[in-house]
Protein backbone atom coordinates (compact mmCIF):
# COMPACT_ATOMS: atom_id res chain seq x y z
CA MET A 1 1.57 24.56 -14.33
CA SER A 2 0.82 21.83 -12.16
CA ASP A 3 -2.98 20.26 -10.99
CA SER A 4 -3.09 22.99 -8.19
CA ASN A 5 -4.35 25.46 -10.62
CA VAL A 6 -7.28 23.54 -10.72
CA ASN A 7 -7.91 24.86 -6.69
CA LEU A 8 -7.57 28.49 -7.97
CA THR A 9 -10.72 30.39 -8.21
CA GLU A 10 -11.76 32.34 -11.25
CA GLU A 11 -10.67 35.57 -9.62
CA GLN A 12 -7.12 34.18 -8.19
CA LYS A 13 -6.83 32.84 -12.25
CA ASP A 14 -7.21 36.21 -13.14
CA ARG A 15 -4.98 38.06 -10.88
CA TYR A 16 -2.20 35.69 -11.70
CA TRP A 17 -2.69 36.08 -15.56
CA SER A 18 -2.71 39.66 -15.21
CA LYS A 19 0.65 39.79 -13.38
CA THR A 20 2.00 37.08 -15.68
CA ARG A 21 0.91 39.35 -19.11
CA SER A 22 2.28 42.37 -17.16
CA LEU A 23 5.68 41.16 -17.31
CA THR A 24 6.04 39.93 -20.42
CA VAL A 25 4.89 43.27 -21.85
CA ILE A 26 7.67 44.66 -19.92
CA ALA A 27 9.90 42.19 -21.07
CA LEU A 28 8.56 43.11 -24.58
CA VAL A 29 8.98 46.71 -23.98
CA ILE A 30 12.48 46.12 -22.77
CA TRP A 31 13.29 43.88 -25.79
CA PHE A 32 11.95 46.65 -27.96
CA ILE A 33 13.74 49.75 -26.66
CA PHE A 34 17.07 47.97 -27.41
CA SER A 35 16.30 46.19 -30.34
CA ILE A 36 14.31 48.77 -32.24
CA VAL A 37 15.07 52.12 -30.43
CA VAL A 38 18.62 51.87 -29.96
CA PRO A 39 20.38 50.72 -33.31
CA TRP A 40 17.97 53.90 -34.55
CA LEU A 41 19.22 56.22 -32.38
CA ALA A 42 22.72 54.46 -32.88
CA PRO A 43 24.36 57.90 -34.35
CA GLN A 44 23.21 59.94 -32.26
CA LEU A 45 24.44 57.78 -29.51
CA ASN A 46 27.89 57.37 -31.38
CA THR A 47 28.78 60.73 -30.06
CA MET A 48 29.98 59.49 -26.64
CA THR A 49 31.87 57.24 -26.28
CA PHE A 50 31.91 54.00 -23.54
CA LEU A 51 35.13 51.76 -22.68
CA GLY A 52 36.77 53.86 -25.87
CA PHE A 53 34.13 52.67 -28.21
CA PRO A 54 31.62 54.79 -29.55
CA LEU A 55 28.43 54.38 -27.36
CA GLY A 56 26.01 53.08 -30.33
CA TYR A 57 28.26 50.55 -31.97
CA TYR A 58 28.91 49.38 -28.21
CA MET A 59 25.46 49.17 -27.50
CA ILE A 60 24.60 47.34 -30.59
CA ALA A 61 27.59 44.79 -30.57
CA GLN A 62 27.74 43.88 -26.62
CA GLY A 63 25.33 46.10 -24.64
CA SER A 64 21.70 44.75 -26.01
CA LEU A 65 23.36 41.50 -25.73
CA ILE A 66 23.54 42.11 -21.48
CA VAL A 67 20.67 43.69 -21.51
CA PHE A 68 18.55 40.43 -23.33
CA VAL A 69 20.37 38.05 -20.80
CA LEU A 70 19.64 40.22 -17.67
CA THR A 71 15.47 41.01 -18.83
CA ILE A 72 15.67 37.03 -19.12
CA PHE A 73 16.66 36.51 -15.80
CA TRP A 74 14.78 38.79 -14.07
CA HIS A 75 11.76 37.73 -16.40
CA ASN A 76 12.37 34.23 -15.18
CA TRP A 77 12.92 35.18 -11.16
CA ALA A 78 9.63 37.82 -11.45
CA GLN A 79 7.35 35.13 -12.91
CA ASP A 80 8.83 32.75 -10.11
CA LYS A 81 7.32 35.09 -7.41
CA VAL A 82 4.12 35.02 -9.23
CA ASP A 83 4.19 31.04 -9.29
CA ASP A 84 4.82 30.75 -5.44
CA GLU A 85 2.41 33.18 -4.82
CA PHE A 86 -0.35 31.40 -6.07
CA GLY A 87 1.00 28.19 -5.24
CA LEU A 88 1.94 26.81 -8.56
CA GLY A 89 5.66 26.77 -7.92
CA GLU A 90 7.52 23.95 -7.87
């Protein structure tokens, strides 16, 4: 953060960190779902196919990676919006 953080009131700092914490929790929930829950459910997902592959296999081999990359970009975009809202953007 830049020196402009000093100009924020305590209420603004609390709101900023609340929004930042919420974004991080959402990103961690998405990560948990696609790294723990989806592999756990792979046998049930394998009863369906996607692009000719069993869905559970596809989600573990490629789908989860796609979701992880999209989550990183989404989190960065959303955090930039929060930073700009509070005057902490670049």
